[in-house]
Each structure stands twice: as C-alpha cells, then as structure tokens.
Amino acid sequence: MENLLLLLPKEKREEESEKLITESPESYFQKQFITLRESGRKKLLRGIILFVTGITVMITNSLIAYSGNDSFPLVTLRIMLEPAGWFLVWAAFDFLFYDWQELKKEKKFYRELAEANVRFLSS
C-alpha cells in the first residue's frame, strides 16, 4: 500500500483538520472508482449489444443474398444493411479495443489512490 505524504510547516499542522483531510480523499477516490466501474459496465454492455446487432444485421444481409431473390426492394435492403452491419461491428470493436483500455487505466489510478494512506509530515 502506497503512502500519499502531505508536507506542512509544523506550526500550521492541526490534528483535527488532518483527520478530516485524510478521510476525505479516500472517500472521494473510492467514489470515483465506483463511478468508473459502473460506467465501464454500462459501456461494455453497450459494446456487446452493438457487436451482436452488427453480426445479426450481417447475417440478415447474407440470408437475403443467399435467397437469390433479386427484387428491387431486397437489393435496396441489402445495400442499406451491408454498411450498417460493418459500422455496428466497427463501433463495437473501437470501444472494446481502445476506450475499454483507457477506462481500465483510469480505474486502476483511482483504485490505487483510494487505497493510499494519507499522512501528514512536518516540513
């Protein structure tokens, strides 16, 4: 467990204030960590939903192509489904590979700060 040291001149230190100050950062960093964890879960679920939806759209497009029916409405539907499916899958991968990693780093930062011991020392 790491220490977060705060240096103050000896004449400015107050024991009661120091107790309040040492509790405050811990609770703040813990709240930030919890908020990021919940946000991460929601974003992960959204990424999974985007991915599953994209794959479903791509499969639907393939089934239409496989049916061999080249009527105008089905060709038009295929033209709209193909980029939509790729876009949904791409957006899901974008989150899962890039945004998720940044969120993990931020959560780790706040978790470490929440676990740190805040101590005061005289300068």
N, C-alpha and C. Protein backbone atom coordinates (compact mmCIF):
# COMPACT_ATOMS: atom_id res chain seq x y z
N MET A 1 0.85 -1.17 0.00
CA MET A 1 0.00 0.00 0.00
C MET A 1 0.90 1.24 0.00
N GLU A 2 0.61 2.15 -0.87
CA GLU A 2 1.41 3.36 -1.02
C GLU A 2 0.97 4.43 -0.04
N ASN A 3 1.86 5.37 0.20
CA ASN A 3 1.56 6.50 1.06
C ASN A 3 1.49 7.77 0.23
N LEU A 4 0.55 8.61 0.58
CA LEU A 4 0.44 9.94 0.00
C LEU A 4 0.83 10.90 1.12
N LEU A 5 2.01 11.50 0.97
CA LEU A 5 2.53 12.36 2.03
C LEU A 5 2.24 13.82 1.72
N LEU A 6 1.72 14.51 2.72
CA LEU A 6 1.45 15.94 2.60
C LEU A 6 2.34 16.67 3.60
N LEU A 7 3.15 17.56 3.08
CA LEU A 7 4.10 18.28 3.94
C LEU A 7 3.53 19.64 4.31
N LEU A 8 3.58 19.94 5.60
CA LEU A 8 3.13 21.23 6.12
C LEU A 8 4.15 21.73 7.13
N PRO A 9 4.27 23.05 7.25
CA PRO A 9 5.11 23.56 8.34
C PRO A 9 4.54 23.12 9.68
N LYS A 10 5.40 22.82 10.60
CA LYS A 10 4.99 22.29 11.91
C LYS A 10 3.99 23.20 12.61
N GLU A 11 4.17 24.51 12.51
CA GLU A 11 3.28 25.45 13.20
C GLU A 11 1.88 25.52 12.57
N LYS A 12 1.70 25.04 11.34
CA LYS A 12 0.39 25.10 10.67
C LYS A 12 -0.40 23.80 10.80
N ARG A 13 0.19 22.77 11.36
CA ARG A 13 -0.49 21.49 11.46
C ARG A 13 -1.53 21.51 12.58
N GLU A 14 -2.71 20.95 12.28
CA GLU A 14 -3.79 20.81 13.26
C GLU A 14 -4.29 19.37 13.19
N GLU A 15 -4.24 18.69 14.30
CA GLU A 15 -4.57 17.27 14.33
C GLU A 15 -6.01 16.98 13.89
N GLU A 16 -6.96 17.77 14.34
CA GLU A 16 -8.37 17.55 13.98
C GLU A 16 -8.59 17.74 12.48
N SER A 17 -8.02 18.79 11.93
CA SER A 17 -8.16 19.04 10.49
C SER A 17 -7.50 17.92 9.69
N GLU A 18 -6.37 17.45 10.14
CA GLU A 18 -5.67 16.38 9.44
C GLU A 18 -6.50 15.10 9.38
N LYS A 19 -7.21 14.79 10.46
CA LYS A 19 -8.07 13.61 10.46
C LYS A 19 -9.16 13.72 9.40
N LEU A 20 -9.80 14.89 9.33
CA LEU A 20 -10.83 15.11 8.31
C LEU A 20 -10.25 15.03 6.91
N ILE A 21 -9.10 15.63 6.72
CA ILE A 21 -8.47 15.66 5.40
C ILE A 21 -8.04 14.26 4.96
N THR A 22 -7.56 13.44 5.88
CA THR A 22 -7.12 12.09 5.49
C THR A 22 -8.30 11.20 5.10
N GLU A 23 -9.47 11.44 5.66
CA GLU A 23 -10.65 10.64 5.29
C GLU A 23 -11.26 11.11 3.98
N SER A 24 -11.20 12.37 3.69
CA SER A 24 -11.86 12.93 2.52
C SER A 24 -11.32 12.40 1.19
N PRO A 25 -10.00 12.41 0.94
CA PRO A 25 -9.52 11.90 -0.35
C PRO A 25 -9.85 10.43 -0.57
N GLU A 26 -9.76 9.64 0.49
CA GLU A 26 -10.06 8.22 0.35
C GLU A 26 -11.49 8.00 -0.12
N SER A 27 -12.44 8.70 0.50
CA SER A 27 -13.84 8.53 0.09
C SER A 27 -14.07 9.10 -1.31
N TYR A 28 -13.41 10.21 -1.64
CA TYR A 28 -13.57 10.80 -2.98
C TYR A 28 -13.04 9.84 -4.04
N PHE A 29 -11.83 9.31 -3.85
CA PHE A 29 -11.24 8.41 -4.83
C PHE A 29 -12.03 7.11 -4.92
N GLN A 30 -12.56 6.65 -3.80
CA GLN A 30 -13.37 5.44 -3.82
C GLN A 30 -14.65 5.68 -4.62
N LYS A 31 -15.28 6.84 -4.44
CA LYS A 31 -16.49 7.17 -5.20
C LYS A 31 -16.19 7.27 -6.69
N GLN A 32 -15.04 7.87 -7.03
CA GLN A 32 -14.65 7.97 -8.43
C GLN A 32 -14.43 6.58 -9.03
N PHE A 33 -13.80 5.70 -8.28
CA PHE A 33 -13.56 4.34 -8.75
C PHE A 33 -14.89 3.61 -8.99
N ILE A 34 -15.81 3.73 -8.06
CA ILE A 34 -17.12 3.07 -8.19
C ILE A 34 -17.87 3.63 -9.39
N THR A 35 -17.82 4.94 -9.57
CA THR A 35 -18.49 5.57 -10.71
C THR A 35 -17.91 5.06 -12.02
N LEU A 36 -16.59 4.98 -12.11
CA LEU A 36 -15.95 4.48 -13.33
C LEU A 36 -16.26 3.00 -13.56
N ARG A 37 -16.33 2.23 -12.48
CA ARG A 37 -16.66 0.81 -12.62
C ARG A 37 -18.06 0.63 -13.19
N GLU A 38 -19.01 1.39 -12.65
CA GLU A 38 -20.39 1.29 -13.16
C GLU A 38 -20.49 1.78 -14.60
N SER A 39 -19.81 2.88 -14.88
CA SER A 39 -19.79 3.41 -16.25
C SER A 39 -19.17 2.40 -17.21
N GLY A 40 -18.11 1.75 -16.77
CA GLY A 40 -17.46 0.73 -17.59
C GLY A 40 -18.38 -0.45 -17.89
N ARG A 41 -19.13 -0.86 -16.90
CA ARG A 41 -20.07 -1.97 -17.12
C ARG A 41 -21.13 -1.60 -18.15
N LYS A 42 -21.65 -0.38 -18.04
CA LYS A 42 -22.66 0.07 -19.00
C LYS A 42 -22.08 0.16 -20.41
N LYS A 43 -20.86 0.70 -20.51
CA LYS A 43 -20.23 0.83 -21.82
C LYS A 43 -19.89 -0.54 -22.40
N LEU A 44 -19.44 -1.47 -21.57
CA LEU A 44 -19.15 -2.81 -22.04
C LEU A 44 -20.42 -3.47 -22.58
N LEU A 45 -21.51 -3.34 -21.84
CA LEU A 45 -22.79 -3.89 -22.30
C LEU A 45 -23.20 -3.27 -23.62
N ARG A 46 -23.02 -1.95 -23.75
CA ARG A 46 -23.36 -1.26 -24.99
C ARG A 46 -22.49 -1.76 -26.15
N GLY A 47 -21.21 -1.99 -25.88
CA GLY A 47 -20.31 -2.52 -26.91
C GLY A 47 -20.72 -3.91 -27.35
N ILE A 48 -21.09 -4.74 -26.40
CA ILE A 48 -21.53 -6.10 -26.73
C ILE A 48 -22.82 -6.06 -27.53
N ILE A 49 -23.75 -5.20 -27.14
CA ILE A 49 -25.01 -5.08 -27.88
C ILE A 49 -24.75 -4.59 -29.30
N LEU A 50 -23.86 -3.61 -29.47
CA LEU A 50 -23.51 -3.15 -30.82
C LEU A 50 -22.94 -4.28 -31.66
N PHE A 51 -22.05 -5.06 -31.06
CA PHE A 51 -21.43 -6.15 -31.79
C PHE A 51 -22.46 -7.20 -32.21
N VAL A 52 -23.29 -7.62 -31.27
CA VAL A 52 -24.31 -8.63 -31.58
C VAL A 52 -25.29 -8.11 -32.63
N THR A 53 -25.68 -6.85 -32.52
CA THR A 53 -26.59 -6.26 -33.51
C THR A 53 -25.93 -6.22 -34.88
N GLY A 54 -24.66 -5.82 -34.93
CA GLY A 54 -23.94 -5.77 -36.20
C GLY A 54 -23.85 -7.14 -36.85
N ILE A 55 -23.52 -8.16 -36.07
CA ILE A 55 -23.44 -9.52 -36.61
C ILE A 55 -24.82 -9.98 -37.10
N THR A 56 -25.86 -9.64 -36.35
CA THR A 56 -27.23 -10.01 -36.76
C THR A 56 -27.58 -9.34 -38.08
N VAL A 57 -27.24 -8.07 -38.23
CA VAL A 57 -27.51 -7.35 -39.48
C VAL A 57 -26.73 -8.00 -40.63
N MET A 58 -25.48 -8.37 -40.39
CA MET A 58 -24.68 -9.01 -41.44
C MET A 58 -25.25 -10.38 -41.83
N ILE A 59 -25.70 -11.13 -40.85
CA ILE A 59 -26.30 -12.44 -41.15
C ILE A 59 -27.59 -12.26 -41.94
N THR A 60 -28.41 -11.28 -41.56
CA THR A 60 -29.64 -10.99 -42.30
C THR A 60 -29.31 -10.63 -43.74
N ASN A 61 -28.29 -9.81 -43.93
CA ASN A 61 -27.88 -9.43 -45.27
C ASN A 61 -27.43 -10.66 -46.07
N SER A 62 -26.69 -11.55 -45.43
CA SER A 62 -26.24 -12.77 -46.10
C SER A 62 -27.40 -13.67 -46.47
N LEU A 63 -28.38 -13.77 -45.59
CA LEU A 63 -29.55 -14.60 -45.89
C LEU A 63 -30.33 -14.05 -47.08
N ILE A 64 -30.44 -12.75 -47.16
CA ILE A 64 -31.12 -12.13 -48.31
C ILE A 64 -30.34 -12.42 -49.58
N ALA A 65 -29.01 -12.30 -49.52
CA ALA A 65 -28.18 -12.57 -50.70
C ALA A 65 -28.27 -14.05 -51.09
N TYR A 66 -28.31 -14.93 -50.11
CA TYR A 66 -28.36 -16.37 -50.36
C TYR A 66 -29.68 -16.81 -50.97
N SER A 67 -30.74 -16.09 -50.64
CA SER A 67 -32.07 -16.47 -51.16
C SER A 67 -32.13 -16.36 -52.68
N GLY A 68 -31.27 -15.55 -53.26
CA GLY A 68 -31.22 -15.44 -54.72
C GLY A 68 -32.32 -14.58 -55.30
N ASN A 69 -33.15 -14.02 -54.48
CA ASN A 69 -34.23 -13.16 -54.98
C ASN A 69 -33.64 -11.76 -55.22
N ASP A 70 -33.60 -11.34 -56.47
CA ASP A 70 -33.01 -10.06 -56.81
C ASP A 70 -34.07 -8.99 -57.09
N SER A 71 -35.13 -9.01 -56.31
CA SER A 71 -36.14 -7.97 -56.50
C SER A 71 -35.60 -6.63 -56.02
N PHE A 72 -36.15 -5.56 -56.56
CA PHE A 72 -35.66 -4.21 -56.23
C PHE A 72 -35.69 -3.92 -54.73
N PRO A 73 -36.79 -4.23 -54.02
CA PRO A 73 -36.80 -3.93 -52.57
C PRO A 73 -35.71 -4.70 -51.80
N LEU A 74 -35.46 -5.96 -52.15
CA LEU A 74 -34.44 -6.74 -51.44
C LEU A 74 -33.04 -6.26 -51.77
N VAL A 75 -32.80 -5.87 -53.02
CA VAL A 75 -31.48 -5.32 -53.38
C VAL A 75 -31.25 -4.01 -52.63
N THR A 76 -32.28 -3.19 -52.53
CA THR A 76 -32.18 -1.92 -51.79
C THR A 76 -31.92 -2.20 -50.30
N LEU A 77 -32.61 -3.17 -49.75
CA LEU A 77 -32.40 -3.53 -48.34
C LEU A 77 -30.97 -4.02 -48.12
N ARG A 78 -30.45 -4.85 -49.02
CA ARG A 78 -29.07 -5.33 -48.90
C ARG A 78 -28.08 -4.18 -48.95
N ILE A 79 -28.32 -3.22 -49.82
CA ILE A 79 -27.42 -2.06 -49.95
C ILE A 79 -27.39 -1.27 -48.64
N MET A 80 -28.53 -1.20 -47.94
CA MET A 80 -28.57 -0.47 -46.67
C MET A 80 -28.02 -1.31 -45.51
N LEU A 81 -28.22 -2.62 -45.54
CA LEU A 81 -27.79 -3.47 -44.43
C LEU A 81 -26.28 -3.67 -44.38
N GLU A 82 -25.66 -3.77 -45.54
CA GLU A 82 -24.23 -4.08 -45.55
C GLU A 82 -23.38 -3.03 -44.83
N PRO A 83 -23.49 -1.75 -45.16
CA PRO A 83 -22.67 -0.78 -44.40
C PRO A 83 -23.12 -0.64 -42.94
N ALA A 84 -24.42 -0.82 -42.69
CA ALA A 84 -24.91 -0.71 -41.32
C ALA A 84 -24.29 -1.80 -40.44
N GLY A 85 -24.22 -3.01 -40.95
CA GLY A 85 -23.62 -4.10 -40.19
C GLY A 85 -22.15 -3.86 -39.91
N TRP A 86 -21.41 -3.43 -40.93
CA TRP A 86 -19.98 -3.15 -40.74
C TRP A 86 -19.78 -2.00 -39.75
N PHE A 87 -20.60 -0.98 -39.86
CA PHE A 87 -20.48 0.16 -38.94
C PHE A 87 -20.70 -0.28 -37.49
N LEU A 88 -21.72 -1.07 -37.25
CA LEU A 88 -22.02 -1.52 -35.88
C LEU A 88 -20.89 -2.37 -35.31
N VAL A 89 -20.36 -3.27 -36.11
CA VAL A 89 -19.26 -4.11 -35.64
C VAL A 89 -18.02 -3.26 -35.41
N TRP A 90 -17.73 -2.34 -36.32
CA TRP A 90 -16.57 -1.46 -36.17
C TRP A 90 -16.68 -0.61 -34.91
N ALA A 91 -17.85 -0.05 -34.66
CA ALA A 91 -18.05 0.78 -33.47
C ALA A 91 -17.86 -0.04 -32.20
N ALA A 92 -18.33 -1.28 -32.19
CA ALA A 92 -18.16 -2.15 -31.02
C ALA A 92 -16.68 -2.45 -30.80
N PHE A 93 -15.96 -2.79 -31.86
CA PHE A 93 -14.52 -3.07 -31.72
C PHE A 93 -13.76 -1.83 -31.31
N ASP A 94 -14.15 -0.68 -31.81
CA ASP A 94 -13.49 0.57 -31.44
C ASP A 94 -13.57 0.77 -29.93
N PHE A 95 -14.74 0.55 -29.37
CA PHE A 95 -14.86 0.68 -27.92
C PHE A 95 -14.08 -0.40 -27.20
N LEU A 96 -14.28 -1.65 -27.59
CA LEU A 96 -13.70 -2.76 -26.85
C LEU A 96 -12.17 -2.76 -26.89
N PHE A 97 -11.57 -2.24 -27.97
CA PHE A 97 -10.11 -2.28 -28.06
C PHE A 97 -9.44 -0.99 -27.63
N TYR A 98 -10.12 0.15 -27.72
CA TYR A 98 -9.48 1.41 -27.40
C TYR A 98 -10.04 2.06 -26.14
N ASP A 99 -11.33 2.34 -26.13
CA ASP A 99 -11.94 3.02 -24.99
C ASP A 99 -11.86 2.17 -23.73
N TRP A 100 -12.03 0.87 -23.86
CA TRP A 100 -12.01 -0.02 -22.70
C TRP A 100 -10.65 0.02 -22.01
N GLN A 101 -9.57 0.05 -22.79
CA GLN A 101 -8.23 0.09 -22.22
C GLN A 101 -7.99 1.38 -21.43
N GLU A 102 -8.46 2.51 -21.97
CA GLU A 102 -8.32 3.79 -21.27
C GLU A 102 -9.12 3.77 -19.97
N LEU A 103 -10.31 3.21 -20.02
CA LEU A 103 -11.16 3.13 -18.83
C LEU A 103 -10.49 2.26 -17.76
N LYS A 104 -9.86 1.17 -18.16
CA LYS A 104 -9.17 0.30 -17.20
C LYS A 104 -8.01 1.04 -16.53
N LYS A 105 -7.26 1.83 -17.28
CA LYS A 105 -6.16 2.60 -16.71
C LYS A 105 -6.67 3.61 -15.69
N GLU A 106 -7.76 4.28 -16.03
CA GLU A 106 -8.33 5.29 -15.13
C GLU A 106 -8.85 4.64 -13.84
N LYS A 107 -9.51 3.50 -13.98
CA LYS A 107 -9.99 2.78 -12.79
C LYS A 107 -8.83 2.35 -11.90
N LYS A 108 -7.75 1.87 -12.50
CA LYS A 108 -6.59 1.46 -11.72
C LYS A 108 -6.01 2.65 -10.95
N PHE A 109 -5.93 3.80 -11.60
CA PHE A 109 -5.41 5.01 -10.98
C PHE A 109 -6.23 5.38 -9.73
N TYR A 110 -7.55 5.42 -9.86
CA TYR A 110 -8.39 5.80 -8.72
C TYR A 110 -8.41 4.72 -7.64
N ARG A 111 -8.31 3.45 -8.03
CA ARG A 111 -8.26 2.39 -7.02
C ARG A 111 -6.99 2.52 -6.19
N GLU A 112 -5.87 2.79 -6.85
CA GLU A 112 -4.61 2.95 -6.11
C GLU A 112 -4.65 4.17 -5.20
N LEU A 113 -5.24 5.27 -5.67
CA LEU A 113 -5.35 6.45 -4.82
C LEU A 113 -6.28 6.20 -3.64
N ALA A 114 -7.34 5.45 -3.86
CA ALA A 114 -8.28 5.15 -2.76
C ALA A 114 -7.63 4.28 -1.69
N GLU A 115 -6.67 3.44 -2.10
CA GLU A 115 -6.01 2.55 -1.15
C GLU A 115 -4.80 3.19 -0.48
N ALA A 116 -4.40 4.36 -0.96
CA ALA A 116 -3.20 5.02 -0.41
C ALA A 116 -3.48 5.55 1.00
N ASN A 117 -2.46 5.50 1.82
CA ASN A 117 -2.53 6.09 3.17
C ASN A 117 -2.13 7.55 3.08
N VAL A 118 -3.01 8.43 3.51
CA VAL A 118 -2.70 9.85 3.53
C VAL A 118 -2.08 10.18 4.87
N ARG A 119 -0.88 10.74 4.83
CA ARG A 119 -0.17 11.09 6.06
C ARG A 119 0.37 12.50 5.95
N PHE A 120 0.42 13.15 7.09
CA PHE A 120 0.97 14.50 7.16
C PHE A 120 2.35 14.43 7.82
N LEU A 121 3.25 15.20 7.28
CA LEU A 121 4.59 15.34 7.87
C LEU A 121 4.92 16.81 7.99
N SER A 122 5.74 17.11 8.92
CA SER A 122 6.20 18.49 9.09
C SER A 122 7.36 18.74 8.15
N SER A 123 7.32 19.90 7.54
CA SER A 123 8.43 20.23 6.62
C SER A 123 9.52 20.98 7.34
